[in-house]
Amino acid sequence: MTGREKPDPVRVLVVEDEYFIADDISRTLMRHGAEVVGPVPTVQEARALIISHTLDLAVLDINLRGELVYPLVAELTRRGVPIVFVTGYDAAAIPADYGAIPAWSKPFDYTALAGVLPGLRRG
């Protein structure tokens, strides 16, 4: 890089079933230079994107209209994709197996979340 070239954008998978929250997260990430993959509201749609895209990060709501997102965690972890949970659950409600994954409780500051994601980027 010559110093004038822009680095590749961070590719962030957004999995969130609440339209307005998904839109707010996505718009904020794009304003911070990220390339948003999705957003999608279901585990099935997220699986398709995990297979078809190279991802740097994933922002996952835990409960997608009654379907838990945990099955995606193993696949993302296997691919080396860091994860952040965004959830209405209290951190104590997240199973211990997933305790090392950062969790942001709703409501949260979308800009603050976008600001920390690049530091989590795989590298």
C-alpha atoms as a PDB file:
ATOM      1  CA  MET A   1       0.000   0.000   0.000  1.00  0.00           C
ATOM      2  CA  THR A   2       1.298   3.456  -0.863  1.00  0.00           C
ATOM      3  CA  GLY A   3      -0.468   5.224   1.973  1.00  0.00           C
ATOM      4  CA  ARG A   4      -3.062   6.665  -0.380  1.00  0.00           C
ATOM      5  CA  GLU A   5      -4.947   3.445  -0.964  1.00  0.00           C
ATOM      6  CA  LYS A   6      -7.889   2.674   1.259  1.00  0.00           C
ATOM      7  CA  PRO A   7      -7.758  -0.599   3.171  1.00  0.00           C
ATOM      8  CA  ASP A   8     -10.358  -3.185   2.282  1.00  0.00           C
ATOM      9  CA  PRO A   9     -13.588  -2.504   4.143  1.00  0.00           C
ATOM     10  CA  VAL A  10     -14.441  -4.672   7.117  1.00  0.00           C
ATOM     11  CA  ARG A  11     -17.116  -7.147   5.957  1.00  0.00           C
ATOM     12  CA  VAL A  12     -19.686  -7.501   8.731  1.00  0.00           C
ATOM     13  CA  LEU A  13     -22.516 -10.015   8.755  1.00  0.00           C
ATOM     14  CA  VAL A  14     -25.564  -8.551  10.518  1.00  0.00           C
ATOM     15  CA  VAL A  15     -28.166 -11.030  11.775  1.00  0.00           C
ATOM     16  CA  GLU A  16     -31.091  -9.222  13.432  1.00  0.00           C
ATOM     17  CA  ASP A  17     -34.825  -9.860  13.165  1.00  0.00           C
ATOM     18  CA  GLU A  18     -36.046  -6.386  14.172  1.00  0.00           C
ATOM     19  CA  TYR A  19     -36.061  -4.369  10.950  1.00  0.00           C
ATOM     20  CA  PHE A  20     -35.363  -0.949  12.449  1.00  0.00           C
ATOM     21  CA  ILE A  21     -32.543  -2.223  14.666  1.00  0.00           C
ATOM     22  CA  ALA A  22     -30.984  -4.105  11.724  1.00  0.00           C
ATOM     23  CA  ASP A  23     -31.259  -0.979   9.589  1.00  0.00           C
ATOM     24  CA  ASP A  24     -29.738   1.255  12.276  1.00  0.00           C
ATOM     25  CA  ILE A  25     -26.828  -1.141  12.842  1.00  0.00           C
ATOM     26  CA  SER A  26     -26.234  -1.503   9.095  1.00  0.00           C
ATOM     27  CA  ARG A  27     -26.350   2.228   8.364  1.00  0.00           C
ATOM     28  CA  THR A  28     -24.004   3.003  11.240  1.00  0.00           C
ATOM     29  CA  LEU A  29     -21.523   0.343  10.140  1.00  0.00           C
ATOM     30  CA  MET A  30     -21.585   1.659   6.571  1.00  0.00           C
ATOM     31  CA  ARG A  31     -20.961   5.220   7.822  1.00  0.00           C
ATOM     32  CA  HIS A  32     -17.870   3.787   9.540  1.00  0.00           C
ATOM     33  CA  GLY A  33     -16.657   2.290   6.268  1.00  0.00           C
ATOM     34  CA  ALA A  34     -17.829  -1.287   6.768  1.00  0.00           C
ATOM     35  CA  GLU A  35     -19.323  -3.445   4.058  1.00  0.00           C
ATOM     36  CA  VAL A  36     -22.505  -4.939   5.505  1.00  0.00           C
ATOM     37  CA  VAL A  37     -23.435  -8.474   4.527  1.00  0.00           C
ATOM     38  CA  GLY A  38     -27.166  -8.750   5.106  1.00  0.00           C
ATOM     39  CA  PRO A  39     -28.831  -7.862   7.309  1.00  0.00           C
ATOM     40  CA  VAL A  40     -30.848 -11.050   7.552  1.00  0.00           C
ATOM     41  CA  PRO A  41     -33.506 -12.051  10.099  1.00  0.00           C
ATOM     42  CA  THR A  42     -33.106 -15.861  10.205  1.00  0.00           C
ATOM     43  CA  VAL A  43     -30.504 -18.513  10.933  1.00  0.00           C
ATOM     44  CA  GLN A  44     -31.168 -20.113   7.529  1.00  0.00           C
ATOM     45  CA  GLU A  45     -30.495 -16.887   5.625  1.00  0.00           C
ATOM     46  CA  ALA A  46     -27.396 -16.242   7.732  1.00  0.00           C
ATOM     47  CA  ARG A  47     -26.041 -19.718   6.936  1.00  0.00           C
ATOM     48  CA  ALA A  48     -26.346 -19.001   3.223  1.00  0.00           C
ATOM     49  CA  LEU A  49     -24.360 -15.772   3.623  1.00  0.00           C
ATOM     50  CA  ILE A  50     -21.688 -17.446   5.754  1.00  0.00           C
ATOM     51  CA  ILE A  51     -21.156 -19.957   2.956  1.00  0.00           C
ATOM     52  CA  SER A  52     -21.198 -17.448   0.109  1.00  0.00           C
ATOM     53  CA  HIS A  53     -19.208 -14.528   1.599  1.00  0.00           C
ATOM     54  CA  THR A  54     -15.833 -13.959   3.167  1.00  0.00           C
ATOM     55  CA  LEU A  55     -16.546 -12.292   6.499  1.00  0.00           C
ATOM     56  CA  ASP A  56     -14.387 -10.340   8.933  1.00  0.00           C
ATOM     57  CA  LEU A  57     -16.949  -9.988  11.734  1.00  0.00           C
ATOM     58  CA  ALA A  58     -20.480 -10.997  12.674  1.00  0.00           C
ATOM     59  CA  VAL A  59     -23.048  -9.083  14.707  1.00  0.00           C
ATOM     60  CA  LEU A  60     -25.701 -11.530  15.892  1.00  0.00           C
ATOM     61  CA  ASP A  61     -28.969 -11.041  17.735  1.00  0.00           C
ATOM     62  CA  ILE A  62     -29.369 -14.088  19.971  1.00  0.00           C
ATOM     63  CA  ASN A  63     -33.115 -14.622  19.609  1.00  0.00           C
ATOM     64  CA  LEU A  64     -34.542 -14.417  16.099  1.00  0.00           C
ATOM     65  CA  ARG A  65     -38.301 -14.656  16.670  1.00  0.00           C
ATOM     66  CA  GLY A  66     -37.863 -17.657  18.941  1.00  0.00           C
ATOM     67  CA  GLU A  67     -34.978 -19.267  17.020  1.00  0.00           C
ATOM     68  CA  LEU A  68     -31.658 -19.058  18.851  1.00  0.00           C
ATOM     69  CA  VAL A  69     -28.618 -18.031  16.834  1.00  0.00           C
ATOM     70  CA  TYR A  70     -26.172 -20.309  18.659  1.00  0.00           C
ATOM     71  CA  PRO A  71     -25.928 -22.871  15.807  1.00  0.00           C
ATOM     72  CA  LEU A  72     -24.224 -20.163  13.724  1.00  0.00           C
ATOM     73  CA  VAL A  73     -21.533 -19.591  16.332  1.00  0.00           C
ATOM     74  CA  ALA A  74     -19.735 -22.887  15.661  1.00  0.00           C
ATOM     75  CA  GLU A  75     -19.612 -22.249  11.913  1.00  0.00           C
ATOM     76  CA  LEU A  76     -18.387 -18.682  12.317  1.00  0.00           C
ATOM     77  CA  THR A  77     -15.804 -19.749  14.891  1.00  0.00           C
ATOM     78  CA  ARG A  78     -14.576 -22.554  12.608  1.00  0.00           C
ATOM     79  CA  ARG A  79     -14.074 -19.941   9.888  1.00  0.00           C
ATOM     80  CA  GLY A  80     -12.220 -17.631  12.282  1.00  0.00           C
ATOM     81  CA  VAL A  81     -14.895 -14.926  12.235  1.00  0.00           C
ATOM     82  CA  PRO A  82     -15.116 -12.887  15.460  1.00  0.00           C
ATOM     83  CA  ILE A  83     -18.646 -12.465  16.825  1.00  0.00           C
ATOM     84  CA  VAL A  84     -20.465  -9.830  18.827  1.00  0.00           C
ATOM     85  CA  PHE A  85     -23.890 -10.544  20.283  1.00  0.00           C
ATOM     86  CA  VAL A  86     -26.486  -7.765  20.315  1.00  0.00           C
ATOM     87  CA  THR A  87     -29.315  -8.838  22.534  1.00  0.00           C
ATOM     88  CA  GLY A  88     -32.201  -7.932  24.747  1.00  0.00           C
ATOM     89  CA  TYR A  89     -31.014 -10.648  27.134  1.00  0.00           C
ATOM     90  CA  ASP A  90     -29.012  -9.922  30.241  1.00  0.00           C
ATOM     91  CA  ALA A  91     -25.439 -11.242  29.945  1.00  0.00           C
ATOM     92  CA  ALA A  92     -26.222 -13.747  32.704  1.00  0.00           C
ATOM     93  CA  ALA A  93     -28.792 -15.406  30.403  1.00  0.00           C
ATOM     94  CA  ILE A  94     -26.154 -16.262  27.788  1.00  0.00           C
ATOM     95  CA  PRO A  95     -24.911 -19.859  28.183  1.00  0.00           C
ATOM     96  CA  ALA A  96     -21.422 -20.201  29.671  1.00  0.00           C
ATOM     97  CA  ASP A  97     -20.155 -21.776  26.425  1.00  0.00           C
ATOM     98  CA  TYR A  98     -20.612 -18.377  24.779  1.00  0.00           C
ATOM     99  CA  GLY A  99     -19.444 -16.239  27.703  1.00  0.00           C
ATOM    100  CA  ALA A 100     -16.236 -15.139  25.936  1.00  0.00           C
ATOM    101  CA  ILE A 101     -18.211 -13.551  23.087  1.00  0.00           C
ATOM    102  CA  PRO A 102     -18.742  -9.813  23.648  1.00  0.00           C
ATOM    103  CA  ALA A 103     -22.413  -9.008  24.230  1.00  0.00           C
ATOM    104  CA  TRP A 104     -24.059  -5.616  23.810  1.00  0.00           C
ATOM    105  CA  SER A 105     -27.410  -5.274  25.561  1.00  0.00           C
ATOM    106  CA  LYS A 106     -30.214  -3.499  23.747  1.00  0.00           C
ATOM    107  CA  PRO A 107     -30.719  -0.620  23.640  1.00  0.00           C
ATOM    108  CA  PHE A 108     -27.133   0.412  22.916  1.00  0.00           C
ATOM    109  CA  ASP A 109     -25.249   3.149  21.106  1.00  0.00           C
ATOM    110  CA  TYR A 110     -24.830   1.967  17.501  1.00  0.00           C
ATOM    111  CA  THR A 111     -21.916   4.329  16.923  1.00  0.00           C
ATOM    112  CA  ALA A 112     -20.070   2.968  19.966  1.00  0.00           C
ATOM    113  CA  LEU A 113     -20.560  -0.579  18.666  1.00  0.00           C
ATOM    114  CA  ALA A 114     -19.312   0.386  15.199  1.00  0.00           C
ATOM    115  CA  GLY A 115     -16.257   1.992  16.796  1.00  0.00           C
ATOM    116  CA  VAL A 116     -15.116  -1.184  18.564  1.00  0.00           C
ATOM    117  CA  LEU A 117     -15.731  -3.665  15.750  1.00  0.00           C
ATOM    118  CA  PRO A 118     -12.571  -2.920  13.736  1.00  0.00           C
ATOM    119  CA  GLY A 119     -10.487  -3.872  16.773  1.00  0.00           C
ATOM    120  CA  LEU A 120     -12.108  -7.300  16.724  1.00  0.00           C
ATOM    121  CA  ARG A 121     -11.429  -7.881  13.037  1.00  0.00           C
ATOM    122  CA  ARG A 122      -9.599 -11.100  12.279  1.00  0.00           C
ATOM    123  CA  GLY A 123      -6.329 -10.554  10.933  1.00  0.00           C
END
